[in-house]
Amino acid sequence: MSNVLKIEKLISYIGEDDFQQLVENEPGMHVYIPKRFDGRFHDIKQRNKLIREDYYNGVDVPELSVKYGLSEAWVYKIIAKR
């Protein structure tokens, strides 16, 4: 999807006035929008810490993957970055 289409889609969600305000107040900002958002895990460092704690307390990777909405491969990467 081109940047123009992404911007148009964002405008359709938040409206032109709010988009203009965003551009004026946060020029150059890059925003990543996750596939899933769970307010419990908005702090990635904290989420990763919880994943490692769960893993070392016996929770298996497939279960962690479901619990945290991540692929198993990503969970393994988080566990490896101790």
PDB file of N, CA and C in Angstrom:
ATOM      1  N   MET A   1       0.856  -1.171   0.000  1.00  0.00           N
ATOM      2  CA  MET A   1       0.000   0.000   0.000  1.00  0.00           C
ATOM      3  C   MET A   1       0.905   1.238   0.000  1.00  0.00           C
ATOM      4  N   SER A   2       0.623   2.169  -0.848  1.00  0.00           N
ATOM      5  CA  SER A   2       1.444   3.383  -0.937  1.00  0.00           C
ATOM      6  C   SER A   2       1.221   4.277   0.282  1.00  0.00           C
ATOM      7  N   ASN A   3       2.173   5.171   0.518  1.00  0.00           N
ATOM      8  CA  ASN A   3       2.040   6.104   1.645  1.00  0.00           C
ATOM      9  C   ASN A   3       0.805   6.977   1.513  1.00  0.00           C
ATOM     10  N   VAL A   4       0.494   7.376   0.289  1.00  0.00           N
ATOM     11  CA  VAL A   4      -0.690   8.223   0.070  1.00  0.00           C
ATOM     12  C   VAL A   4      -1.948   7.476   0.503  1.00  0.00           C
ATOM     13  N   LEU A   5      -2.042   6.208   0.122  1.00  0.00           N
ATOM     14  CA  LEU A   5      -3.220   5.427   0.512  1.00  0.00           C
ATOM     15  C   LEU A   5      -3.275   5.217   2.022  1.00  0.00           C
ATOM     16  N   LYS A   6      -2.109   5.014   2.645  1.00  0.00           N
ATOM     17  CA  LYS A   6      -2.070   4.852   4.099  1.00  0.00           C
ATOM     18  C   LYS A   6      -2.543   6.124   4.796  1.00  0.00           C
ATOM     19  N   ILE A   7      -2.102   7.267   4.289  1.00  0.00           N
ATOM     20  CA  ILE A   7      -2.513   8.550   4.873  1.00  0.00           C
ATOM     21  C   ILE A   7      -4.009   8.756   4.698  1.00  0.00           C
ATOM     22  N   GLU A   8      -4.514   8.455   3.504  1.00  0.00           N
ATOM     23  CA  GLU A   8      -5.947   8.604   3.262  1.00  0.00           C
ATOM     24  C   GLU A   8      -6.757   7.697   4.195  1.00  0.00           C
ATOM     25  N   LYS A   9      -6.250   6.487   4.419  1.00  0.00           N
ATOM     26  CA  LYS A   9      -6.948   5.564   5.312  1.00  0.00           C
ATOM     27  C   LYS A   9      -6.937   6.095   6.748  1.00  0.00           C
ATOM     28  N   LEU A  10      -5.794   6.612   7.189  1.00  0.00           N
ATOM     29  CA  LEU A  10      -5.695   7.190   8.530  1.00  0.00           C
ATOM     30  C   LEU A  10      -6.669   8.358   8.678  1.00  0.00           C
ATOM     31  N   ILE A  11      -6.726   9.222   7.677  1.00  0.00           N
ATOM     32  CA  ILE A  11      -7.658  10.357   7.708  1.00  0.00           C
ATOM     33  C   ILE A  11      -9.100   9.862   7.821  1.00  0.00           C
ATOM     34  N   SER A  12      -9.413   8.772   7.127  1.00  0.00           N
ATOM     35  CA  SER A  12     -10.787   8.251   7.193  1.00  0.00           C
ATOM     36  C   SER A  12     -11.129   7.756   8.600  1.00  0.00           C
ATOM     37  N   TYR A  13     -10.121   7.320   9.361  1.00  0.00           N
ATOM     38  CA  TYR A  13     -10.354   6.856  10.732  1.00  0.00           C
ATOM     39  C   TYR A  13     -10.432   7.992  11.740  1.00  0.00           C
ATOM     40  N   ILE A  14      -9.528   8.971  11.623  1.00  0.00           N
ATOM     41  CA  ILE A  14      -9.454   9.999  12.675  1.00  0.00           C
ATOM     42  C   ILE A  14     -10.001  11.356  12.249  1.00  0.00           C
ATOM     43  N   GLY A  15     -10.261  11.540  10.973  1.00  0.00           N
ATOM     44  CA  GLY A  15     -10.792  12.809  10.486  1.00  0.00           C
ATOM     45  C   GLY A  15      -9.687  13.773  10.082  1.00  0.00           C
ATOM     46  N   GLU A  16     -10.030  14.690   9.182  1.00  0.00           N
ATOM     47  CA  GLU A  16      -9.034  15.628   8.646  1.00  0.00           C
ATOM     48  C   GLU A  16      -8.496  16.583   9.699  1.00  0.00           C
ATOM     49  N   ASP A  17      -9.363  17.085  10.575  1.00  0.00           N
ATOM     50  CA  ASP A  17      -8.907  18.038  11.594  1.00  0.00           C
ATOM     51  C   ASP A  17      -7.885  17.400  12.536  1.00  0.00           C
ATOM     52  N   ASP A  18      -8.205  16.202  13.020  1.00  0.00           N
ATOM     53  CA  ASP A  18      -7.266  15.524  13.920  1.00  0.00           C
ATOM     54  C   ASP A  18      -5.983  15.140  13.191  1.00  0.00           C
ATOM     55  N   PHE A  19      -6.100  14.747  11.923  1.00  0.00           N
ATOM     56  CA  PHE A  19      -4.900  14.419  11.156  1.00  0.00           C
ATOM     57  C   PHE A  19      -4.021  15.655  11.007  1.00  0.00           C
ATOM     58  N   GLN A  20      -4.622  16.789  10.692  1.00  0.00           N
ATOM     59  CA  GLN A  20      -3.860  18.027  10.537  1.00  0.00           C
ATOM     60  C   GLN A  20      -3.176  18.404  11.847  1.00  0.00           C
ATOM     61  N   GLN A  21      -3.869  18.232  12.940  1.00  0.00           N
ATOM     62  CA  GLN A  21      -3.293  18.516  14.255  1.00  0.00           C
ATOM     63  C   GLN A  21      -2.104  17.587  14.533  1.00  0.00           C
ATOM     64  N   LEU A  22      -2.245  16.334  14.160  1.00  0.00           N
ATOM     65  CA  LEU A  22      -1.161  15.366  14.324  1.00  0.00           C
ATOM     66  C   LEU A  22       0.064  15.777  13.508  1.00  0.00           C
ATOM     67  N   VAL A  23      -0.146  16.179  12.272  1.00  0.00           N
ATOM     68  CA  VAL A  23       0.955  16.613  11.401  1.00  0.00           C
ATOM     69  C   VAL A  23       1.652  17.839  11.980  1.00  0.00           C
ATOM     70  N   GLU A  24       0.878  18.783  12.483  1.00  0.00           N
ATOM     71  CA  GLU A  24       1.457  20.013  13.035  1.00  0.00           C
ATOM     72  C   GLU A  24       2.226  19.762  14.334  1.00  0.00           C
ATOM     73  N   ASN A  25       1.719  18.859  15.168  1.00  0.00           N
ATOM     74  CA  ASN A  25       2.321  18.626  16.480  1.00  0.00           C
ATOM     75  C   ASN A  25       3.395  17.543  16.502  1.00  0.00           C
ATOM     76  N   GLU A  26       3.387  16.652  15.529  1.00  0.00           N
ATOM     77  CA  GLU A  26       4.330  15.531  15.514  1.00  0.00           C
ATOM     78  C   GLU A  26       4.933  15.330  14.123  1.00  0.00           C
ATOM     79  N   PRO A  27       5.517  16.362  13.531  1.00  0.00           N
ATOM     80  CA  PRO A  27       6.055  16.209  12.171  1.00  0.00           C
ATOM     81  C   PRO A  27       7.172  15.166  12.138  1.00  0.00           C
ATOM     82  N   GLY A  28       7.121  14.312  11.135  1.00  0.00           N
ATOM     83  CA  GLY A  28       8.168  13.311  10.961  1.00  0.00           C
ATOM     84  C   GLY A  28       8.026  12.076  11.828  1.00  0.00           C
ATOM     85  N   MET A  29       7.003  12.027  12.664  1.00  0.00           N
ATOM     86  CA  MET A  29       6.828  10.879  13.555  1.00  0.00           C
ATOM     87  C   MET A  29       6.507   9.623  12.738  1.00  0.00           C
ATOM     88  N   HIS A  30       7.118   8.511  13.125  1.00  0.00           N
ATOM     89  CA  HIS A  30       6.799   7.215  12.534  1.00  0.00           C
ATOM     90  C   HIS A  30       5.937   6.466  13.533  1.00  0.00           C
ATOM     91  N   VAL A  31       4.894   5.835  13.032  1.00  0.00           N
ATOM     92  CA  VAL A  31       3.975   5.117  13.904  1.00  0.00           C
ATOM     93  C   VAL A  31       3.835   3.688  13.400  1.00  0.00           C
ATOM     94  N   TYR A  32       3.993   2.731  14.303  1.00  0.00           N
ATOM     95  CA  TYR A  32       3.749   1.325  13.991  1.00  0.00           C
ATOM     96  C   TYR A  32       2.414   0.950  14.617  1.00  0.00           C
ATOM     97  N   ILE A  33       1.543   0.350  13.830  1.00  0.00           N
ATOM     98  CA  ILE A  33       0.247  -0.078  14.342  1.00  0.00           C
ATOM     99  C   ILE A  33       0.247  -1.603  14.359  1.00  0.00           C
ATOM    100  N   PRO A  34       0.215  -2.197  15.551  1.00  0.00           N
ATOM    101  CA  PRO A  34       0.291  -3.656  15.651  1.00  0.00           C
ATOM    102  C   PRO A  34      -0.978  -4.327  15.137  1.00  0.00           C
ATOM    103  N   LYS A  35      -0.837  -5.600  14.778  1.00  0.00           N
ATOM    104  CA  LYS A  35      -1.996  -6.367  14.319  1.00  0.00           C
ATOM    105  C   LYS A  35      -3.018  -6.530  15.428  1.00  0.00           C
ATOM    106  N   ARG A  36      -2.506  -6.690  16.639  1.00  0.00           N
ATOM    107  CA  ARG A  36      -3.389  -6.812  17.802  1.00  0.00           C
ATOM    108  C   ARG A  36      -2.906  -5.832  18.852  1.00  0.00           C
ATOM    109  N   PHE A  37      -3.835  -5.276  19.594  1.00  0.00           N
ATOM    110  CA  PHE A  37      -3.437  -4.398  20.692  1.00  0.00           C
ATOM    111  C   PHE A  37      -4.179  -4.816  21.939  1.00  0.00           C
ATOM    112  N   ASP A  38      -3.407  -5.103  22.949  1.00  0.00           N
ATOM    113  CA  ASP A  38      -3.968  -5.430  24.251  1.00  0.00           C
ATOM    114  C   ASP A  38      -3.347  -4.440  25.220  1.00  0.00           C
ATOM    115  N   GLY A  39      -4.128  -3.581  25.793  1.00  0.00           N
ATOM    116  CA  GLY A  39      -3.615  -2.537  26.664  1.00  0.00           C
ATOM    117  C   GLY A  39      -2.728  -3.035  27.788  1.00  0.00           C
ATOM    118  N   ARG A  40      -2.871  -4.317  28.138  1.00  0.00           N
ATOM    119  CA  ARG A  40      -2.020  -4.865  29.200  1.00  0.00           C
ATOM    120  C   ARG A  40      -0.557  -4.888  28.778  1.00  0.00           C
ATOM    121  N   PHE A  41      -0.299  -4.948  27.474  1.00  0.00           N
ATOM    122  CA  PHE A  41       1.059  -5.161  26.996  1.00  0.00           C
ATOM    123  C   PHE A  41       1.562  -4.021  26.120  1.00  0.00           C
ATOM    124  N   HIS A  42       1.161  -2.794  26.403  1.00  0.00           N
ATOM    125  CA  HIS A  42       1.610  -1.676  25.578  1.00  0.00           C
ATOM    126  C   HIS A  42       3.074  -1.331  25.820  1.00  0.00           C
ATOM    127  N   ASP A  43       3.617  -1.715  26.976  1.00  0.00           N
ATOM    128  CA  ASP A  43       5.034  -1.515  27.274  1.00  0.00           C
ATOM    129  C   ASP A  43       5.773  -2.787  26.860  1.00  0.00           C
ATOM    130  N   ILE A  44       6.492  -2.722  25.745  1.00  0.00           N
ATOM    131  CA  ILE A  44       7.120  -3.911  25.174  1.00  0.00           C
ATOM    132  C   ILE A  44       8.152  -4.518  26.125  1.00  0.00           C
ATOM    133  N   LYS A  45       8.939  -3.685  26.785  1.00  0.00           N
ATOM    134  CA  LYS A  45       9.942  -4.221  27.716  1.00  0.00           C
ATOM    135  C   LYS A  45       9.268  -4.991  28.845  1.00  0.00           C
ATOM    136  N   GLN A  46       8.191  -4.438  29.356  1.00  0.00           N
ATOM    137  CA  GLN A  46       7.455  -5.116  30.428  1.00  0.00           C
ATOM    138  C   GLN A  46       6.834  -6.405  29.905  1.00  0.00           C
ATOM    139  N   ARG A  47       6.244  -6.357  28.718  1.00  0.00           N
ATOM    140  CA  ARG A  47       5.649  -7.558  28.120  1.00  0.00           C
ATOM    141  C   ARG A  47       6.706  -8.645  27.964  1.00  0.00           C
ATOM    142  N   ASN A  48       7.877  -8.274  27.432  1.00  0.00           N
ATOM    143  CA  ASN A  48       8.939  -9.251  27.219  1.00  0.00           C
ATOM    144  C   ASN A  48       9.416  -9.850  28.542  1.00  0.00           C
ATOM    145  N   LYS A  49       9.481  -9.015  29.566  1.00  0.00           N
ATOM    146  CA  LYS A  49       9.864  -9.502  30.897  1.00  0.00           C
ATOM    147  C   LYS A  49       8.844 -10.530  31.388  1.00  0.00           C
ATOM    148  N   LEU A  50       7.564 -10.233  31.193  1.00  0.00           N
ATOM    149  CA  LEU A  50       6.512 -11.164  31.605  1.00  0.00           C
ATOM    150  C   LEU A  50       6.588 -12.470  30.824  1.00  0.00           C
ATOM    151  N   ILE A  51       6.903 -12.381  29.531  1.00  0.00           N
ATOM    152  CA  ILE A  51       7.047 -13.587  28.708  1.00  0.00           C
ATOM    153  C   ILE A  51       8.166 -14.459  29.258  1.00  0.00           C
ATOM    154  N   ARG A  52       9.317 -13.849  29.543  1.00  0.00           N
ATOM    155  CA  ARG A  52      10.442 -14.622  30.080  1.00  0.00           C
ATOM    156  C   ARG A  52      10.097 -15.228  31.444  1.00  0.00           C
ATOM    157  N   GLU A  53       9.437 -14.451  32.294  1.00  0.00           N
ATOM    158  CA  GLU A  53       9.037 -14.979  33.606  1.00  0.00           C
ATOM    159  C   GLU A  53       8.098 -16.171  33.452  1.00  0.00           C
ATOM    160  N   ASP A  54       7.100 -16.028  32.581  1.00  0.00           N
ATOM    161  CA  ASP A  54       6.169 -17.137  32.344  1.00  0.00           C
ATOM    162  C   ASP A  54       6.913 -18.367  31.835  1.00  0.00           C
ATOM    163  N   TYR A  55       7.819 -18.146  30.890  1.00  0.00           N
ATOM    164  CA  TYR A  55       8.568 -19.257  30.298  1.00  0.00           C
ATOM    165  C   TYR A  55       9.392 -19.981  31.362  1.00  0.00           C
ATOM    166  N   TYR A  56      10.112 -19.236  32.179  1.00  0.00           N
ATOM    167  CA  TYR A  56      10.952 -19.855  33.203  1.00  0.00           C
ATOM    168  C   TYR A  56      10.141 -20.420  34.368  1.00  0.00           C
ATOM    169  N   ASN A  57       8.866 -20.101  34.405  1.00  0.00           N
ATOM    170  CA  ASN A  57       7.955 -20.702  35.385  1.00  0.00           C
ATOM    171  C   ASN A  57       7.185 -21.881  34.799  1.00  0.00           C
ATOM    172  N   GLY A  58       7.585 -22.315  33.590  1.00  0.00           N
ATOM    173  CA  GLY A  58       7.033 -23.542  33.028  1.00  0.00           C
ATOM    174  C   GLY A  58       5.977 -23.406  31.950  1.00  0.00           C
ATOM    175  N   VAL A  59       5.627 -22.196  31.547  1.00  0.00           N
ATOM    176  CA  VAL A  59       4.636 -22.026  30.485  1.00  0.00           C
ATOM    177  C   VAL A  59       5.332 -22.296  29.155  1.00  0.00           C
ATOM    178  N   ASP A  60       4.734 -23.154  28.312  1.00  0.00           N
ATOM    179  CA  ASP A  60       5.403 -23.493  27.059  1.00  0.00           C
ATOM    180  C   ASP A  60       5.181 -22.422  25.988  1.00  0.00           C
ATOM    181  N   VAL A  61       6.040 -22.467  24.975  1.00  0.00           N
ATOM    182  CA  VAL A  61       6.054 -21.424  23.945  1.00  0.00           C
ATOM    183  C   VAL A  61       4.728 -21.312  23.196  1.00  0.00           C
ATOM    184  N   PRO A  62       4.099 -22.417  22.770  1.00  0.00           N
ATOM    185  CA  PRO A  62       2.809 -22.256  22.080  1.00  0.00           C
ATOM    186  C   PRO A  62       1.764 -21.514  22.924  1.00  0.00           C
ATOM    187  N   GLU A  63       1.746 -21.802  24.208  1.00  0.00           N
ATOM    188  CA  GLU A  63       0.798 -21.124  25.102  1.00  0.00           C
ATOM    189  C   GLU A  63       1.142 -19.638  25.235  1.00  0.00           C
ATOM    190  N   LEU A  64       2.441 -19.335  25.344  1.00  0.00           N
ATOM    191  CA  LEU A  64       2.868 -17.932  25.416  1.00  0.00           C
ATOM    192  C   LEU A  64       2.503 -17.194  24.136  1.00  0.00           C
ATOM    193  N   SER A  65       2.654 -17.872  23.015  1.00  0.00           N
ATOM    194  CA  SER A  65       2.329 -17.278  21.720  1.00  0.00           C
ATOM    195  C   SER A  65       0.871 -16.820  21.680  1.00  0.00           C
ATOM    196  N   VAL A  66      -0.006 -17.676  22.151  1.00  0.00           N
ATOM    197  CA  VAL A  66      -1.436 -17.342  22.178  1.00  0.00           C
ATOM    198  C   VAL A  66      -1.711 -16.242  23.202  1.00  0.00           C
ATOM    199  N   LYS A  67      -1.156 -16.393  24.394  1.00  0.00           N
ATOM    200  CA  LYS A  67      -1.413 -15.440  25.475  1.00  0.00           C
ATOM    201  C   LYS A  67      -1.015 -14.020  25.094  1.00  0.00           C
ATOM    202  N   TYR A  68       0.140 -13.881  24.427  1.00  0.00           N
ATOM    203  CA  TYR A  68       0.667 -12.551  24.129  1.00  0.00           C
ATOM    204  C   TYR A  68       0.424 -12.112  22.687  1.00  0.00           C
ATOM    205  N   GLY A  69      -0.241 -12.952  21.890  1.00  0.00           N
ATOM    206  CA  GLY A  69      -0.569 -12.577  20.519  1.00  0.00           C
ATOM    207  C   GLY A  69       0.643 -12.446  19.614  1.00  0.00           C
ATOM    208  N   LEU A  70       1.641 -13.311  19.828  1.00  0.00           N
ATOM    209  CA  LEU A  70       2.872 -13.271  19.044  1.00  0.00           C
ATOM    210  C   LEU A  70       3.098 -14.630  18.391  1.00  0.00           C
ATOM    211  N   SER A  71       3.913 -14.649  17.346  1.00  0.00           N
ATOM    212  CA  SER A  71       4.272 -15.927  16.747  1.00  0.00           C
ATOM    213  C   SER A  71       5.204 -16.680  17.690  1.00  0.00           C
ATOM    214  N   GLU A  72       5.254 -17.988  17.532  1.00  0.00           N
ATOM    215  CA  GLU A  72       6.159 -18.779  18.361  1.00  0.00           C
ATOM    216  C   GLU A  72       7.605 -18.370  18.108  1.00  0.00           C
ATOM    217  N   ALA A  73       7.933 -18.084  16.852  1.00  0.00           N
ATOM    218  CA  ALA A  73       9.302 -17.661  16.518  1.00  0.00           C
ATOM    219  C   ALA A  73       9.665 -16.385  17.275  1.00  0.00           C
ATOM    220  N   TRP A  74       8.724 -15.459  17.362  1.00  0.00           N
ATOM    221  CA  TRP A  74       8.995 -14.200  18.067  1.00  0.00           C
ATOM    222  C   TRP A  74       9.161 -14.440  19.564  1.00  0.00           C
ATOM    223  N   VAL A  75       8.375 -15.343  20.128  1.00  0.00           N
ATOM    224  CA  VAL A  75       8.503 -15.677  21.549  1.00  0.00           C
ATOM    225  C   VAL A  75       9.887 -16.260  21.823  1.00  0.00           C
ATOM    226  N   TYR A  76      10.352 -17.151  20.938  1.00  0.00           N
ATOM    227  CA  TYR A  76      11.694 -17.719  21.110  1.00  0.00           C
ATOM    228  C   TYR A  76      12.760 -16.624  21.079  1.00  0.00           C
ATOM    229  N   LYS A  77      12.603 -15.648  20.192  1.00  0.00           N
ATOM    230  CA  LYS A  77      13.576 -14.541  20.119  1.00  0.00           C
ATOM    231  C   LYS A  77      13.592 -13.745  21.425  1.00  0.00           C
ATOM    232  N   ILE A  78      12.415 -13.495  21.968  1.00  0.00           N
ATOM    233  CA  ILE A  78      12.317 -12.738  23.225  1.00  0.00           C
ATOM    234  C   ILE A  78      12.981 -13.512  24.357  1.00  0.00           C
ATOM    235  N   ILE A  79      12.729 -14.809  24.414  1.00  0.00           N
ATOM    236  CA  ILE A  79      13.323 -15.636  25.468  1.00  0.00           C
ATOM    237  C   ILE A  79      14.846 -15.649  25.339  1.00  0.00           C
ATOM    238  N   ALA A  80      15.340 -15.696  24.120  1.00  0.00           N
ATOM    239  CA  ALA A  80      16.790 -15.752  23.881  1.00  0.00           C
ATOM    240  C   ALA A  80      17.490 -14.452  24.261  1.00  0.00           C
ATOM    241  N   LYS A  81      16.778 -13.323  24.220  1.00  0.00           N
ATOM    242  CA  LYS A  81      17.365 -12.016  24.552  1.00  0.00           C
ATOM    243  C   LYS A  81      17.276 -11.767  26.043  1.00  0.00           C
ATOM    244  N   ARG A  82      17.801 -12.617  26.792  1.00  0.00           N
ATOM    245  CA  ARG A  82      17.760 -12.545  28.251  1.00  0.00           C
ATOM    246  C   ARG A  82      18.450 -11.392  28.778  1.00  0.00           C
TER     247      ARG A  82
END
